[in-house]
Amino acid sequence: MRIYLDIPDEVAQCPTFSRADWLREMAISLFEQERVTLGIASQIAGIHLMEFQKILGSRGVCVHYDVEAFTNDIENLRRRGWL
């Protein structure tokens, strides 16, 4: 799916705010609203998951990492032989 945004030229052409900045900010907003997962948000932003988590942390955004997610991560690591 592709989504197109109609951003006024004077805003879109701002030299201090790039396309990557727009994508990152939209991803952060969608994640904060719990409309997308952490993984999907990092994909929208076009950056590695860990880098996205660092950005969220620097802004004080809760990552919503609960016991179920932790358990799933441990199971995935075991399946891959990392634990």
C-alpha atoms as a PDB file:
ATOM      1  CA  MET A   1       0.000   0.000   0.000  1.00  0.00           C
ATOM      2  CA  ARG A   2       1.183   3.486  -0.752  1.00  0.00           C
ATOM      3  CA  ILE A   3      -0.074   6.554   1.022  1.00  0.00           C
ATOM      4  CA  TYR A   4       0.442  10.002  -0.401  1.00  0.00           C
ATOM      5  CA  LEU A   5       0.460  13.141   1.704  1.00  0.00           C
ATOM      6  CA  ASP A   6      -0.327  16.589   0.413  1.00  0.00           C
ATOM      7  CA  ILE A   7       2.165  18.764   2.272  1.00  0.00           C
ATOM      8  CA  PRO A   8       2.388  22.451   1.395  1.00  0.00           C
ATOM      9  CA  ASP A   9       5.522  23.225  -0.636  1.00  0.00           C
ATOM     10  CA  GLU A  10       6.857  25.718   1.896  1.00  0.00           C
ATOM     11  CA  VAL A  11       6.745  22.989   4.545  1.00  0.00           C
ATOM     12  CA  ALA A  12       7.887  20.066   2.385  1.00  0.00           C
ATOM     13  CA  GLN A  13      10.855  22.005   1.023  1.00  0.00           C
ATOM     14  CA  CYS A  14      12.103  23.120   4.412  1.00  0.00           C
ATOM     15  CA  PRO A  15      15.882  22.575   4.334  1.00  0.00           C
ATOM     16  CA  THR A  16      15.968  21.443   7.962  1.00  0.00           C
ATOM     17  CA  PHE A  17      13.274  18.747   7.610  1.00  0.00           C
ATOM     18  CA  SER A  18      13.875  15.929   5.129  1.00  0.00           C
ATOM     19  CA  ARG A  19      11.707  13.112   3.806  1.00  0.00           C
ATOM     20  CA  ALA A  20      13.380  10.819   6.358  1.00  0.00           C
ATOM     21  CA  ASP A  21      12.401  13.261   9.117  1.00  0.00           C
ATOM     22  CA  TRP A  22       8.738  13.155   8.002  1.00  0.00           C
ATOM     23  CA  LEU A  23       8.716   9.359   7.933  1.00  0.00           C
ATOM     24  CA  ARG A  24      10.364   9.142  11.354  1.00  0.00           C
ATOM     25  CA  GLU A  25       7.901  11.576  12.919  1.00  0.00           C
ATOM     26  CA  MET A  26       4.894   9.791  11.424  1.00  0.00           C
ATOM     27  CA  ALA A  27       6.229   6.438  12.627  1.00  0.00           C
ATOM     28  CA  ILE A  28       6.750   7.767  16.148  1.00  0.00           C
ATOM     29  CA  SER A  29       3.263   9.256  16.217  1.00  0.00           C
ATOM     30  CA  LEU A  30       1.618   6.060  14.962  1.00  0.00           C
ATOM     31  CA  PHE A  31       3.543   4.015  17.507  1.00  0.00           C
ATOM     32  CA  GLU A  32       2.636   6.368  20.372  1.00  0.00           C
ATOM     33  CA  GLN A  33      -1.024   6.031  19.392  1.00  0.00           C
ATOM     34  CA  GLU A  34      -0.598   2.224  19.432  1.00  0.00           C
ATOM     35  CA  ARG A  35      -1.756   2.049  15.816  1.00  0.00           C
ATOM     36  CA  VAL A  36       1.341   0.136  14.690  1.00  0.00           C
ATOM     37  CA  THR A  37       3.832  -2.153  16.376  1.00  0.00           C
ATOM     38  CA  LEU A  38       7.411  -1.236  17.159  1.00  0.00           C
ATOM     39  CA  GLY A  39       8.646  -3.293  14.214  1.00  0.00           C
ATOM     40  CA  ILE A  40       6.222  -1.732  11.742  1.00  0.00           C
ATOM     41  CA  ALA A  41       7.024   1.755  13.029  1.00  0.00           C
ATOM     42  CA  SER A  42      10.749   1.190  12.500  1.00  0.00           C
ATOM     43  CA  GLN A  43      10.001  -0.003   8.961  1.00  0.00           C
ATOM     44  CA  ILE A  44       7.929   3.111   8.260  1.00  0.00           C
ATOM     45  CA  ALA A  45      10.786   5.232   9.555  1.00  0.00           C
ATOM     46  CA  GLY A  46      13.200   3.249   7.393  1.00  0.00           C
ATOM     47  CA  ILE A  47      15.623   2.608  10.233  1.00  0.00           C
ATOM     48  CA  HIS A  48      16.815  -0.413  12.208  1.00  0.00           C
ATOM     49  CA  LEU A  49      14.622  -1.436  15.113  1.00  0.00           C
ATOM     50  CA  MET A  50      17.309  -0.737  17.711  1.00  0.00           C
ATOM     51  CA  GLU A  51      17.938   2.754  16.316  1.00  0.00           C
ATOM     52  CA  PHE A  52      14.198   3.448  16.418  1.00  0.00           C
ATOM     53  CA  GLN A  53      14.067   2.294  20.044  1.00  0.00           C
ATOM     54  CA  LYS A  54      16.916   4.687  20.878  1.00  0.00           C
ATOM     55  CA  ILE A  55      14.975   7.561  19.343  1.00  0.00           C
ATOM     56  CA  LEU A  56      11.870   6.623  21.324  1.00  0.00           C
ATOM     57  CA  GLY A  57      13.921   6.401  24.507  1.00  0.00           C
ATOM     58  CA  SER A  58      15.505   9.803  23.921  1.00  0.00           C
ATOM     59  CA  ARG A  59      11.991  11.259  23.675  1.00  0.00           C
ATOM     60  CA  GLY A  60      10.683   9.416  26.713  1.00  0.00           C
ATOM     61  CA  VAL A  61       8.240   7.317  24.680  1.00  0.00           C
ATOM     62  CA  CYS A  62       7.241   4.067  26.385  1.00  0.00           C
ATOM     63  CA  VAL A  63       8.117   1.055  24.253  1.00  0.00           C
ATOM     64  CA  HIS A  64       5.191  -1.052  25.599  1.00  0.00           C
ATOM     65  CA  TYR A  65       7.447  -4.035  26.209  1.00  0.00           C
ATOM     66  CA  ASP A  66       5.390  -6.389  28.335  1.00  0.00           C
ATOM     67  CA  VAL A  67       5.963  -9.861  29.758  1.00  0.00           C
ATOM     68  CA  GLU A  68       4.358 -11.549  26.733  1.00  0.00           C
ATOM     69  CA  ALA A  69       6.697  -9.742  24.322  1.00  0.00           C
ATOM     70  CA  PHE A  70       9.669 -10.627  26.518  1.00  0.00           C
ATOM     71  CA  THR A  71       8.640 -14.289  26.582  1.00  0.00           C
ATOM     72  CA  ASN A  72       8.250 -14.316  22.798  1.00  0.00           C
ATOM     73  CA  ASP A  73      11.691 -12.772  22.385  1.00  0.00           C
ATOM     74  CA  ILE A  74      13.254 -15.403  24.658  1.00  0.00           C
ATOM     75  CA  GLU A  75      11.534 -18.187  22.698  1.00  0.00           C
ATOM     76  CA  ASN A  76      12.769 -16.731  19.393  1.00  0.00           C
ATOM     77  CA  LEU A  77      16.318 -16.490  20.716  1.00  0.00           C
ATOM     78  CA  ARG A  78      16.205 -20.099  21.908  1.00  0.00           C
ATOM     79  CA  ARG A  79      14.885 -21.323  18.543  1.00  0.00           C
ATOM     80  CA  ARG A  80      17.798 -19.590  16.858  1.00  0.00           C
ATOM     81  CA  GLY A  81      20.260 -21.130  19.308  1.00  0.00           C
ATOM     82  CA  TRP A  82      21.304 -17.813  20.824  1.00  0.00           C
ATOM     83  CA  LEU A  83      20.401 -18.896  24.381  1.00  0.00           C
END
